[in-house]
Amino acid sequence: MTGQDALQSFTPHVKLKIAALWASTMFCYVYGDFFGLFRAGVLARMNAGVMGPLGPATPTVLLAVAIMMAIPSVMVFLSLVLPSRLDRWLNVALGLIYTAIMLMTLPGAPLFYTFLGVVEVALTIAIAWYAFTWPKVGTGAREG
């Protein structure tokens, strides 16, 4: 295409790609948890203080789950502001850790959760991949 038909292109920096992947991952987490509330008996178990396979919703369990969910949320921001070297390795490690967490939750999951889980695995693998293949200075790619 040339002239009036050509569309302007934008190549986002790897930091923007990774931040967007973390945000997308969080949306899938939230929707998976929200849709899960519509399953029969879930709200009754919640009202009884039971947190799925984790058992009783003790303050310690709730804190652990809060920490586990806060990390990807904070990574949306940290992926943009951390020094590139630290950002790279933190995203490789956390991307792989959250991939493993999701893979552990998939066996026996309902179909909607399995679908979102597969999407989440693809997103967190992409986070680790983009971070691992982060362009180096002097390779013709933009510095990270």
N, C-alpha and C. Protein backbone atom coordinates (compact mmCIF):
# COMPACT_ATOMS: atom_id res chain seq x y z
N MET A 1 0.84 -1.18 0.00
CA MET A 1 0.00 0.00 0.00
C MET A 1 0.89 1.24 0.00
N THR A 2 0.44 2.22 -0.69
CA THR A 2 1.17 3.48 -0.74
C THR A 2 0.19 4.63 -0.62
N GLY A 3 0.74 5.78 -0.37
CA GLY A 3 -0.07 6.99 -0.35
C GLY A 3 -1.13 6.99 0.72
N GLN A 4 -2.35 7.32 0.31
CA GLN A 4 -3.45 7.46 1.25
C GLN A 4 -3.90 6.15 1.89
N ASP A 5 -3.57 5.01 1.28
CA ASP A 5 -4.01 3.72 1.82
C ASP A 5 -3.09 3.18 2.91
N ALA A 6 -1.87 3.71 3.01
CA ALA A 6 -0.90 3.20 3.99
C ALA A 6 -1.29 3.67 5.39
N LEU A 7 -1.21 2.75 6.32
CA LEU A 7 -1.49 3.08 7.72
C LEU A 7 -0.19 3.27 8.47
N GLN A 8 -0.19 4.22 9.37
CA GLN A 8 1.00 4.47 10.17
C GLN A 8 1.25 3.29 11.09
N SER A 9 2.50 2.89 11.21
CA SER A 9 2.87 1.76 12.04
C SER A 9 3.50 2.23 13.34
N PHE A 10 3.39 1.40 14.35
CA PHE A 10 4.00 1.69 15.66
C PHE A 10 4.60 0.40 16.18
N THR A 11 5.87 0.45 16.52
CA THR A 11 6.52 -0.72 17.10
C THR A 11 6.77 -0.43 18.57
N PRO A 12 5.98 -1.06 19.45
CA PRO A 12 6.15 -0.78 20.88
C PRO A 12 7.45 -1.35 21.43
N HIS A 13 8.01 -0.66 22.36
CA HIS A 13 9.22 -1.11 23.06
C HIS A 13 8.88 -2.38 23.84
N VAL A 14 9.85 -3.22 24.08
CA VAL A 14 9.63 -4.48 24.79
C VAL A 14 9.00 -4.24 26.17
N LYS A 15 9.34 -3.13 26.82
CA LYS A 15 8.75 -2.84 28.13
C LYS A 15 7.23 -2.65 28.00
N LEU A 16 6.78 -1.98 26.96
CA LEU A 16 5.34 -1.80 26.75
C LEU A 16 4.66 -3.12 26.43
N LYS A 17 5.31 -3.96 25.64
CA LYS A 17 4.75 -5.26 25.31
C LYS A 17 4.55 -6.10 26.58
N ILE A 18 5.57 -6.12 27.42
CA ILE A 18 5.49 -6.93 28.64
C ILE A 18 4.44 -6.37 29.60
N ALA A 19 4.39 -5.05 29.77
CA ALA A 19 3.38 -4.44 30.64
C ALA A 19 1.97 -4.77 30.14
N ALA A 20 1.77 -4.70 28.83
CA ALA A 20 0.46 -5.02 28.26
C ALA A 20 0.12 -6.49 28.47
N LEU A 21 1.11 -7.37 28.38
CA LEU A 21 0.87 -8.80 28.62
C LEU A 21 0.47 -9.05 30.07
N TRP A 22 1.12 -8.36 31.02
CA TRP A 22 0.74 -8.52 32.43
C TRP A 22 -0.69 -8.02 32.63
N ALA A 23 -1.04 -6.88 32.02
CA ALA A 23 -2.40 -6.35 32.16
C ALA A 23 -3.42 -7.33 31.58
N SER A 24 -3.12 -7.88 30.42
CA SER A 24 -4.01 -8.86 29.80
C SER A 24 -4.17 -10.09 30.68
N THR A 25 -3.07 -10.53 31.28
CA THR A 25 -3.10 -11.68 32.18
C THR A 25 -4.02 -11.40 33.36
N MET A 26 -3.91 -10.21 33.93
CA MET A 26 -4.74 -9.85 35.07
C MET A 26 -6.22 -9.83 34.70
N PHE A 27 -6.56 -9.33 33.50
CA PHE A 27 -7.96 -9.35 33.08
C PHE A 27 -8.48 -10.79 33.03
N CYS A 28 -7.68 -11.69 32.51
CA CYS A 28 -8.11 -13.10 32.45
C CYS A 28 -8.28 -13.67 33.86
N TYR A 29 -7.36 -13.34 34.78
CA TYR A 29 -7.51 -13.81 36.17
C TYR A 29 -8.83 -13.33 36.75
N VAL A 30 -9.11 -12.04 36.59
CA VAL A 30 -10.31 -11.45 37.18
C VAL A 30 -11.56 -12.08 36.57
N TYR A 31 -11.60 -12.20 35.25
CA TYR A 31 -12.78 -12.80 34.61
C TYR A 31 -12.95 -14.26 35.00
N GLY A 32 -11.86 -15.00 35.09
CA GLY A 32 -11.96 -16.40 35.52
C GLY A 32 -12.55 -16.51 36.90
N ASP A 33 -12.08 -15.67 37.82
CA ASP A 33 -12.62 -15.70 39.19
C ASP A 33 -14.07 -15.24 39.22
N PHE A 34 -14.38 -14.21 38.43
CA PHE A 34 -15.75 -13.70 38.40
C PHE A 34 -16.71 -14.74 37.84
N PHE A 35 -16.36 -15.33 36.69
CA PHE A 35 -17.23 -16.35 36.10
C PHE A 35 -17.39 -17.55 37.03
N GLY A 36 -16.34 -17.84 37.79
CA GLY A 36 -16.41 -18.95 38.74
C GLY A 36 -17.47 -18.76 39.81
N LEU A 37 -17.83 -17.52 40.10
CA LEU A 37 -18.86 -17.25 41.10
C LEU A 37 -20.23 -17.74 40.66
N PHE A 38 -20.42 -17.97 39.35
CA PHE A 38 -21.71 -18.41 38.84
C PHE A 38 -21.90 -19.92 38.90
N ARG A 39 -20.88 -20.63 39.34
CA ARG A 39 -21.00 -22.08 39.47
C ARG A 39 -21.79 -22.41 40.73
N ALA A 40 -22.62 -23.42 40.62
CA ALA A 40 -23.50 -23.81 41.74
C ALA A 40 -22.68 -24.11 43.00
N GLY A 41 -23.10 -23.53 44.10
CA GLY A 41 -22.51 -23.81 45.40
C GLY A 41 -21.30 -22.98 45.76
N VAL A 42 -20.75 -22.24 44.81
CA VAL A 42 -19.52 -21.47 45.08
C VAL A 42 -19.77 -20.39 46.13
N LEU A 43 -20.83 -19.62 45.96
CA LEU A 43 -21.11 -18.55 46.92
C LEU A 43 -21.42 -19.10 48.30
N ALA A 44 -22.12 -20.23 48.36
CA ALA A 44 -22.42 -20.85 49.67
C ALA A 44 -21.13 -21.26 50.37
N ARG A 45 -20.18 -21.82 49.61
CA ARG A 45 -18.88 -22.21 50.21
C ARG A 45 -18.10 -20.96 50.64
N MET A 46 -18.19 -19.90 49.82
CA MET A 46 -17.52 -18.66 50.21
C MET A 46 -18.10 -18.10 51.51
N ASN A 47 -19.44 -18.11 51.60
CA ASN A 47 -20.11 -17.62 52.82
C ASN A 47 -19.75 -18.46 54.03
N ALA A 48 -19.42 -19.72 53.78
CA ALA A 48 -19.02 -20.61 54.88
C ALA A 48 -17.53 -20.45 55.20
N GLY A 49 -16.84 -19.55 54.46
CA GLY A 49 -15.43 -19.30 54.74
C GLY A 49 -14.48 -20.30 54.12
N VAL A 50 -14.90 -20.96 53.04
CA VAL A 50 -14.04 -21.93 52.37
C VAL A 50 -13.55 -21.33 51.06
N MET A 51 -12.24 -21.41 50.85
CA MET A 51 -11.64 -20.82 49.67
C MET A 51 -11.18 -21.92 48.71
N GLY A 52 -12.16 -22.53 48.04
CA GLY A 52 -11.87 -23.56 47.05
C GLY A 52 -10.93 -24.63 47.60
N PRO A 53 -9.96 -25.03 46.78
CA PRO A 53 -9.05 -26.09 47.20
C PRO A 53 -8.08 -25.67 48.30
N LEU A 54 -8.05 -24.37 48.61
CA LEU A 54 -7.14 -23.89 49.66
C LEU A 54 -7.71 -24.10 51.06
N GLY A 55 -8.99 -24.46 51.12
CA GLY A 55 -9.60 -24.74 52.42
C GLY A 55 -10.12 -23.49 53.10
N PRO A 56 -10.09 -23.48 54.44
CA PRO A 56 -10.63 -22.34 55.18
C PRO A 56 -9.92 -21.03 54.80
N ALA A 57 -10.72 -19.98 54.67
CA ALA A 57 -10.19 -18.67 54.30
C ALA A 57 -9.65 -17.98 55.55
N THR A 58 -8.53 -18.49 56.02
CA THR A 58 -7.89 -17.89 57.20
C THR A 58 -7.19 -16.60 56.78
N PRO A 59 -6.86 -15.74 57.74
CA PRO A 59 -6.12 -14.53 57.39
C PRO A 59 -4.82 -14.83 56.65
N THR A 60 -4.15 -15.91 57.01
CA THR A 60 -2.90 -16.27 56.35
C THR A 60 -3.13 -16.69 54.90
N VAL A 61 -4.16 -17.49 54.67
CA VAL A 61 -4.47 -17.92 53.30
C VAL A 61 -4.87 -16.71 52.46
N LEU A 62 -5.70 -15.84 53.01
CA LEU A 62 -6.12 -14.65 52.27
C LEU A 62 -4.94 -13.74 51.96
N LEU A 63 -4.01 -13.59 52.91
CA LEU A 63 -2.82 -12.79 52.67
C LEU A 63 -1.96 -13.41 51.56
N ALA A 64 -1.78 -14.73 51.60
CA ALA A 64 -0.97 -15.40 50.58
C ALA A 64 -1.58 -15.23 49.20
N VAL A 65 -2.89 -15.36 49.08
CA VAL A 65 -3.55 -15.19 47.79
C VAL A 65 -3.46 -13.72 47.35
N ALA A 66 -3.61 -12.80 48.29
CA ALA A 66 -3.48 -11.38 47.96
C ALA A 66 -2.09 -11.06 47.41
N ILE A 67 -1.07 -11.60 48.04
CA ILE A 67 0.31 -11.40 47.56
C ILE A 67 0.48 -12.01 46.16
N MET A 68 -0.05 -13.23 46.01
CA MET A 68 0.08 -13.91 44.71
C MET A 68 -0.59 -13.10 43.60
N MET A 69 -1.70 -12.44 43.87
CA MET A 69 -2.40 -11.67 42.84
C MET A 69 -1.86 -10.24 42.73
N ALA A 70 -1.25 -9.72 43.78
CA ALA A 70 -0.69 -8.37 43.72
C ALA A 70 0.55 -8.33 42.82
N ILE A 71 1.31 -9.39 42.80
CA ILE A 71 2.56 -9.40 42.02
C ILE A 71 2.30 -9.13 40.54
N PRO A 72 1.42 -9.88 39.85
CA PRO A 72 1.18 -9.55 38.44
C PRO A 72 0.61 -8.14 38.25
N SER A 73 -0.23 -7.70 39.19
CA SER A 73 -0.79 -6.35 39.09
C SER A 73 0.31 -5.30 39.14
N VAL A 74 1.22 -5.45 40.07
CA VAL A 74 2.33 -4.49 40.22
C VAL A 74 3.31 -4.59 39.05
N MET A 75 3.42 -5.78 38.46
CA MET A 75 4.35 -5.96 37.34
C MET A 75 3.95 -5.14 36.11
N VAL A 76 2.67 -4.79 35.99
CA VAL A 76 2.25 -3.91 34.89
C VAL A 76 3.06 -2.62 34.98
N PHE A 77 3.16 -2.04 36.16
CA PHE A 77 3.91 -0.80 36.36
C PHE A 77 5.42 -1.04 36.39
N LEU A 78 5.85 -2.03 37.18
CA LEU A 78 7.29 -2.25 37.33
C LEU A 78 7.96 -2.58 36.01
N SER A 79 7.25 -3.25 35.11
CA SER A 79 7.82 -3.59 33.81
C SER A 79 8.17 -2.34 33.00
N LEU A 80 7.54 -1.24 33.33
CA LEU A 80 7.82 0.02 32.62
C LEU A 80 8.92 0.84 33.28
N VAL A 81 9.13 0.67 34.59
CA VAL A 81 10.03 1.59 35.29
C VAL A 81 11.31 0.98 35.84
N LEU A 82 11.37 -0.33 35.97
CA LEU A 82 12.58 -0.95 36.50
C LEU A 82 13.73 -0.83 35.51
N PRO A 83 14.97 -0.83 36.01
CA PRO A 83 16.11 -0.89 35.09
C PRO A 83 16.01 -2.15 34.22
N SER A 84 16.40 -2.02 32.97
CA SER A 84 16.18 -3.09 31.99
C SER A 84 16.74 -4.44 32.42
N ARG A 85 17.94 -4.47 32.97
CA ARG A 85 18.53 -5.76 33.35
C ARG A 85 17.70 -6.46 34.42
N LEU A 86 17.32 -5.73 35.47
CA LEU A 86 16.47 -6.29 36.52
C LEU A 86 15.10 -6.64 35.96
N ASP A 87 14.53 -5.76 35.17
CA ASP A 87 13.22 -5.96 34.56
C ASP A 87 13.21 -7.25 33.74
N ARG A 88 14.26 -7.45 32.96
CA ARG A 88 14.34 -8.64 32.11
C ARG A 88 14.26 -9.92 32.94
N TRP A 89 15.12 -10.04 33.91
CA TRP A 89 15.19 -11.30 34.66
C TRP A 89 14.00 -11.50 35.58
N LEU A 90 13.47 -10.42 36.11
CA LEU A 90 12.27 -10.53 36.94
C LEU A 90 11.08 -11.03 36.10
N ASN A 91 10.96 -10.52 34.88
CA ASN A 91 9.87 -10.95 34.01
C ASN A 91 10.06 -12.38 33.51
N VAL A 92 11.29 -12.79 33.24
CA VAL A 92 11.53 -14.19 32.87
C VAL A 92 11.09 -15.08 34.03
N ALA A 93 11.58 -14.78 35.23
CA ALA A 93 11.28 -15.62 36.39
C ALA A 93 9.79 -15.63 36.72
N LEU A 94 9.19 -14.46 36.83
CA LEU A 94 7.78 -14.40 37.21
C LEU A 94 6.87 -14.93 36.11
N GLY A 95 7.22 -14.69 34.87
CA GLY A 95 6.44 -15.25 33.77
C GLY A 95 6.39 -16.76 33.86
N LEU A 96 7.54 -17.38 34.13
CA LEU A 96 7.59 -18.85 34.24
C LEU A 96 6.90 -19.35 35.51
N ILE A 97 7.05 -18.62 36.61
CA ILE A 97 6.40 -19.01 37.87
C ILE A 97 4.88 -18.98 37.72
N TYR A 98 4.36 -17.91 37.11
CA TYR A 98 2.91 -17.81 36.95
C TYR A 98 2.39 -18.77 35.89
N THR A 99 3.22 -19.15 34.94
CA THR A 99 2.84 -20.22 34.01
C THR A 99 2.67 -21.52 34.79
N ALA A 100 3.63 -21.82 35.66
CA ALA A 100 3.56 -23.06 36.46
C ALA A 100 2.35 -23.05 37.38
N ILE A 101 2.08 -21.92 38.02
CA ILE A 101 0.92 -21.83 38.92
C ILE A 101 -0.36 -22.14 38.14
N MET A 102 -0.49 -21.55 36.96
CA MET A 102 -1.70 -21.78 36.17
C MET A 102 -1.80 -23.24 35.74
N LEU A 103 -0.70 -23.81 35.31
CA LEU A 103 -0.73 -25.21 34.89
C LEU A 103 -1.14 -26.14 36.03
N MET A 104 -0.78 -25.77 37.26
CA MET A 104 -1.17 -26.59 38.42
C MET A 104 -2.66 -26.49 38.72
N THR A 105 -3.30 -25.38 38.32
CA THR A 105 -4.72 -25.20 38.63
C THR A 105 -5.64 -25.76 37.54
N LEU A 106 -5.10 -26.12 36.39
CA LEU A 106 -5.95 -26.53 35.27
C LEU A 106 -6.55 -27.93 35.38
N PRO A 107 -5.86 -28.93 35.92
CA PRO A 107 -6.46 -30.28 35.94
C PRO A 107 -7.82 -30.28 36.65
N GLY A 108 -8.83 -30.79 35.96
CA GLY A 108 -10.16 -30.88 36.53
C GLY A 108 -10.96 -29.59 36.53
N ALA A 109 -10.42 -28.54 35.94
CA ALA A 109 -11.10 -27.25 35.94
C ALA A 109 -12.27 -27.25 34.96
N PRO A 110 -13.29 -26.42 35.23
CA PRO A 110 -14.40 -26.31 34.28
C PRO A 110 -13.90 -25.72 32.95
N LEU A 111 -14.69 -25.92 31.91
CA LEU A 111 -14.29 -25.55 30.56
C LEU A 111 -13.93 -24.08 30.42
N PHE A 112 -14.74 -23.18 30.99
CA PHE A 112 -14.43 -21.75 30.86
C PHE A 112 -13.09 -21.41 31.52
N TYR A 113 -12.82 -22.06 32.66
CA TYR A 113 -11.57 -21.81 33.38
C TYR A 113 -10.39 -22.39 32.62
N THR A 114 -10.59 -23.55 32.01
CA THR A 114 -9.53 -24.15 31.21
C THR A 114 -9.19 -23.26 30.03
N PHE A 115 -10.22 -22.73 29.37
CA PHE A 115 -9.98 -21.82 28.24
C PHE A 115 -9.17 -20.61 28.69
N LEU A 116 -9.64 -19.93 29.74
CA LEU A 116 -8.91 -18.75 30.24
C LEU A 116 -7.52 -19.14 30.73
N GLY A 117 -7.40 -20.31 31.33
CA GLY A 117 -6.10 -20.78 31.80
C GLY A 117 -5.12 -20.97 30.66
N VAL A 118 -5.58 -21.52 29.55
CA VAL A 118 -4.72 -21.69 28.38
C VAL A 118 -4.28 -20.33 27.84
N VAL A 119 -5.20 -19.38 27.82
CA VAL A 119 -4.86 -18.01 27.40
C VAL A 119 -3.83 -17.42 28.36
N GLU A 120 -4.04 -17.60 29.66
CA GLU A 120 -3.11 -17.07 30.66
C GLU A 120 -1.73 -17.70 30.51
N VAL A 121 -1.67 -19.00 30.25
CA VAL A 121 -0.39 -19.68 30.04
C VAL A 121 0.31 -19.08 28.82
N ALA A 122 -0.43 -18.86 27.75
CA ALA A 122 0.17 -18.25 26.55
C ALA A 122 0.69 -16.85 26.86
N LEU A 123 -0.06 -16.09 27.63
CA LEU A 123 0.36 -14.73 27.98
C LEU A 123 1.61 -14.73 28.86
N THR A 124 1.64 -15.60 29.88
CA THR A 124 2.80 -15.60 30.78
C THR A 124 4.04 -16.19 30.10
N ILE A 125 3.85 -17.13 29.18
CA ILE A 125 4.99 -17.62 28.40
C ILE A 125 5.50 -16.50 27.49
N ALA A 126 4.58 -15.73 26.93
CA ALA A 126 4.99 -14.60 26.09
C ALA A 126 5.76 -13.57 26.91
N ILE A 127 5.35 -13.34 28.15
CA ILE A 127 6.09 -12.42 29.03
C ILE A 127 7.53 -12.91 29.19
N ALA A 128 7.67 -14.18 29.54
CA ALA A 128 9.02 -14.74 29.73
C ALA A 128 9.81 -14.69 28.42
N TRP A 129 9.16 -14.99 27.31
CA TRP A 129 9.85 -15.01 26.01
C TRP A 129 10.32 -13.62 25.60
N TYR A 130 9.42 -12.63 25.68
CA TYR A 130 9.83 -11.26 25.33
C TYR A 130 10.97 -10.79 26.23
N ALA A 131 10.89 -11.12 27.51
CA ALA A 131 11.96 -10.71 28.42
C ALA A 131 13.26 -11.45 28.11
N PHE A 132 13.17 -12.74 27.84
CA PHE A 132 14.38 -13.53 27.56
C PHE A 132 15.05 -13.09 26.27
N THR A 133 14.24 -12.72 25.27
CA THR A 133 14.79 -12.31 23.97
C THR A 133 14.90 -10.79 23.85
N TRP A 134 14.96 -10.12 24.97
CA TRP A 134 15.05 -8.65 25.02
C TRP A 134 16.16 -8.19 24.09
N PRO A 135 15.87 -7.24 23.19
CA PRO A 135 16.91 -6.76 22.26
C PRO A 135 18.09 -6.13 22.99
N LYS A 136 19.26 -6.41 22.48
CA LYS A 136 20.49 -5.85 23.04
C LYS A 136 20.83 -4.54 22.35
N VAL A 137 21.56 -3.67 23.03
CA VAL A 137 22.01 -2.41 22.46
C VAL A 137 22.98 -2.74 21.33
N GLY A 138 22.85 -2.01 20.22
CA GLY A 138 23.78 -2.19 19.11
C GLY A 138 23.39 -3.28 18.13
N THR A 139 22.19 -3.85 18.29
CA THR A 139 21.75 -4.89 17.36
C THR A 139 20.77 -4.32 16.33
N GLY A 140 20.64 -3.02 16.32
CA GLY A 140 19.68 -2.40 15.41
C GLY A 140 18.32 -2.27 16.04
N ALA A 141 18.09 -2.92 17.18
CA ALA A 141 16.81 -2.80 17.87
C ALA A 141 16.92 -1.69 18.91
N ARG A 142 15.80 -1.19 19.34
CA ARG A 142 15.81 -0.11 20.35
C ARG A 142 16.29 -0.66 21.68
N GLU A 143 16.99 0.19 22.40
CA GLU A 143 17.53 -0.20 23.71
C GLU A 143 16.40 -0.42 24.69
N GLY A 144 16.60 -1.43 25.61
CA GLY A 144 15.58 -1.73 26.63
C GLY A 144 15.86 -1.13 27.88
